[in-house]
N, C-alpha and C. Protein backbone atom coordinates (compact mmCIF):
# COMPACT_ATOMS: atom_id res chain seq x y z
N MET A 1 -32.25 -162.95 -62.34
CA MET A 1 -33.17 -164.08 -62.26
C MET A 1 -33.61 -164.30 -60.81
N ALA A 2 -32.66 -164.21 -59.88
CA ALA A 2 -33.00 -164.41 -58.46
C ALA A 2 -33.92 -163.29 -57.97
N ALA A 3 -33.73 -162.08 -58.51
CA ALA A 3 -34.57 -160.96 -58.10
C ALA A 3 -36.01 -161.16 -58.57
N ILE A 4 -36.17 -161.73 -59.74
CA ILE A 4 -37.51 -161.99 -60.27
C ILE A 4 -38.21 -163.03 -59.40
N ILE A 5 -37.51 -164.09 -59.05
CA ILE A 5 -38.08 -165.14 -58.20
C ILE A 5 -38.42 -164.59 -56.83
N ALA A 6 -37.56 -163.74 -56.30
CA ALA A 6 -37.81 -163.15 -54.98
C ALA A 6 -39.02 -162.22 -55.03
N SER A 7 -39.16 -161.46 -56.09
CA SER A 7 -40.31 -160.56 -56.19
C SER A 7 -41.62 -161.35 -56.36
N ILE A 8 -41.57 -162.43 -57.12
CA ILE A 8 -42.76 -163.29 -57.27
C ILE A 8 -43.14 -163.90 -55.92
N ALA A 9 -42.15 -164.34 -55.16
CA ALA A 9 -42.42 -164.91 -53.84
C ALA A 9 -43.00 -163.85 -52.90
N ALA A 10 -42.49 -162.63 -52.99
CA ALA A 10 -43.00 -161.55 -52.14
C ALA A 10 -44.45 -161.24 -52.50
N PHE A 11 -44.76 -161.17 -53.79
CA PHE A 11 -46.15 -160.92 -54.19
C PHE A 11 -47.07 -162.06 -53.76
N ALA A 12 -46.59 -163.28 -53.84
CA ALA A 12 -47.40 -164.41 -53.40
C ALA A 12 -47.66 -164.34 -51.90
N LEU A 13 -46.66 -163.97 -51.14
CA LEU A 13 -46.81 -163.84 -49.69
C LEU A 13 -47.80 -162.73 -49.34
N ILE A 14 -47.68 -161.61 -50.03
CA ILE A 14 -48.60 -160.49 -49.78
C ILE A 14 -50.02 -160.88 -50.17
N GLY A 15 -50.16 -161.57 -51.28
CA GLY A 15 -51.49 -162.00 -51.72
C GLY A 15 -52.15 -162.95 -50.74
N THR A 16 -51.39 -163.92 -50.26
CA THR A 16 -51.97 -164.87 -49.30
C THR A 16 -52.30 -164.18 -47.97
N THR A 17 -51.50 -163.18 -47.60
CA THR A 17 -51.78 -162.44 -46.37
C THR A 17 -53.11 -161.70 -46.48
N PHE A 18 -53.31 -161.00 -47.60
CA PHE A 18 -54.57 -160.28 -47.78
C PHE A 18 -55.75 -161.25 -47.88
N TYR A 19 -55.54 -162.40 -48.51
CA TYR A 19 -56.60 -163.40 -48.61
C TYR A 19 -56.98 -163.90 -47.21
N ALA A 20 -55.99 -164.16 -46.38
CA ALA A 20 -56.27 -164.64 -45.02
C ALA A 20 -56.99 -163.57 -44.20
N LEU A 21 -56.57 -162.32 -44.33
CA LEU A 21 -57.25 -161.23 -43.61
C LEU A 21 -58.69 -161.08 -44.08
N GLY A 22 -58.91 -161.16 -45.36
CA GLY A 22 -60.27 -161.06 -45.89
C GLY A 22 -61.14 -162.22 -45.45
N SER A 23 -60.58 -163.41 -45.43
CA SER A 23 -61.32 -164.58 -44.98
C SER A 23 -61.70 -164.45 -43.51
N ALA A 24 -60.77 -163.97 -42.70
CA ALA A 24 -61.05 -163.79 -41.27
C ALA A 24 -62.14 -162.74 -41.06
N ALA A 25 -62.11 -161.69 -41.84
CA ALA A 25 -63.14 -160.64 -41.72
C ALA A 25 -64.51 -161.19 -42.12
N ARG A 26 -64.56 -161.99 -43.16
CA ARG A 26 -65.84 -162.58 -43.57
C ARG A 26 -66.38 -163.51 -42.50
N MET A 27 -65.51 -164.30 -41.89
CA MET A 27 -65.96 -165.21 -40.83
C MET A 27 -66.46 -164.43 -39.63
N ARG A 28 -65.79 -163.34 -39.29
CA ARG A 28 -66.22 -162.52 -38.16
C ARG A 28 -67.60 -161.91 -38.43
N ASP A 29 -67.81 -161.43 -39.67
CA ASP A 29 -69.11 -160.87 -40.02
C ASP A 29 -70.20 -161.93 -39.98
N LYS A 30 -69.87 -163.13 -40.43
CA LYS A 30 -70.85 -164.22 -40.41
C LYS A 30 -71.22 -164.57 -38.97
N GLU A 31 -70.23 -164.62 -38.09
CA GLU A 31 -70.51 -164.93 -36.68
C GLU A 31 -71.36 -163.84 -36.04
N LYS A 32 -71.10 -162.58 -36.39
CA LYS A 32 -71.90 -161.48 -35.85
C LYS A 32 -73.34 -161.59 -36.31
N LYS A 33 -73.56 -161.93 -37.57
CA LYS A 33 -74.92 -162.08 -38.09
C LYS A 33 -75.64 -163.21 -37.39
N GLN A 34 -74.94 -164.33 -37.16
CA GLN A 34 -75.56 -165.46 -36.47
C GLN A 34 -75.88 -165.09 -35.03
N ARG A 35 -75.00 -164.35 -34.38
CA ARG A 35 -75.22 -163.94 -33.00
C ARG A 35 -76.42 -163.00 -32.90
N VAL A 36 -76.53 -162.06 -33.85
CA VAL A 36 -77.67 -161.14 -33.85
C VAL A 36 -78.96 -161.90 -34.08
N ALA A 37 -78.95 -162.88 -34.98
CA ALA A 37 -80.14 -163.67 -35.24
C ALA A 37 -80.53 -164.47 -34.00
N LEU A 38 -79.56 -165.02 -33.30
CA LEU A 38 -79.84 -165.79 -32.09
C LEU A 38 -80.41 -164.88 -31.01
N GLU A 39 -79.85 -163.69 -30.85
CA GLU A 39 -80.38 -162.75 -29.85
C GLU A 39 -81.81 -162.36 -30.19
N ALA A 40 -82.11 -162.20 -31.47
CA ALA A 40 -83.46 -161.84 -31.88
C ALA A 40 -84.43 -162.96 -31.53
N VAL A 41 -84.01 -164.19 -31.72
CA VAL A 41 -84.87 -165.33 -31.38
C VAL A 41 -85.08 -165.39 -29.88
N ILE A 42 -84.03 -165.18 -29.10
CA ILE A 42 -84.16 -165.22 -27.64
C ILE A 42 -85.08 -164.10 -27.17
N LEU A 43 -84.90 -162.89 -27.69
CA LEU A 43 -85.74 -161.78 -27.28
C LEU A 43 -87.19 -161.99 -27.70
N GLU A 44 -87.38 -162.68 -28.80
CA GLU A 44 -88.75 -162.92 -29.26
C GLU A 44 -89.45 -163.94 -28.37
N PHE A 45 -88.72 -164.92 -27.88
CA PHE A 45 -89.35 -165.98 -27.09
C PHE A 45 -89.51 -165.61 -25.62
N LYS A 46 -88.72 -164.70 -25.11
CA LYS A 46 -88.84 -164.34 -23.70
C LYS A 46 -90.21 -163.77 -23.35
N PRO A 47 -90.74 -162.79 -24.09
CA PRO A 47 -92.06 -162.27 -23.72
C PRO A 47 -93.15 -163.34 -23.81
N ARG A 48 -93.06 -164.23 -24.77
CA ARG A 48 -94.07 -165.28 -24.89
C ARG A 48 -94.05 -166.19 -23.67
N GLN A 49 -92.86 -166.52 -23.20
CA GLN A 49 -92.76 -167.38 -22.02
C GLN A 49 -93.33 -166.67 -20.80
N ARG A 50 -93.08 -165.36 -20.69
CA ARG A 50 -93.62 -164.60 -19.56
C ARG A 50 -95.14 -164.52 -19.65
N GLN A 51 -95.66 -164.32 -20.84
CA GLN A 51 -97.11 -164.23 -21.01
C GLN A 51 -97.76 -165.57 -20.64
N GLN A 52 -97.16 -166.65 -21.06
CA GLN A 52 -97.73 -167.96 -20.74
C GLN A 52 -97.68 -168.19 -19.25
N ALA A 53 -96.58 -167.79 -18.61
CA ALA A 53 -96.47 -167.98 -17.17
C ALA A 53 -97.49 -167.09 -16.43
N ASN A 54 -97.66 -165.86 -16.88
CA ASN A 54 -98.60 -164.95 -16.22
C ASN A 54 -100.04 -165.42 -16.45
N SER A 55 -100.35 -165.89 -17.64
CA SER A 55 -101.72 -166.33 -17.91
C SER A 55 -102.01 -167.62 -17.14
N GLY A 56 -101.02 -168.42 -16.89
CA GLY A 56 -101.23 -169.65 -16.11
C GLY A 56 -101.47 -169.37 -14.65
N ARG A 57 -100.85 -168.31 -14.16
CA ARG A 57 -101.02 -167.96 -12.74
C ARG A 57 -102.36 -167.27 -12.49
N GLY A 58 -102.79 -166.44 -13.47
CA GLY A 58 -103.98 -165.63 -13.27
C GLY A 58 -105.19 -166.37 -13.57
């Protein structure tokens, strides 16, 4: 009986460990996607700001 309870506890521990690892991986991927989107926005706006500054000077 104790062996059954111990094996159930071990499986529960392993399951929660894999769940936590998977959750952390999903969060990391989400942060990478947000960072890439932010970099795309910054790169898109930089040339426009330069063009406006150059057209204002000329």
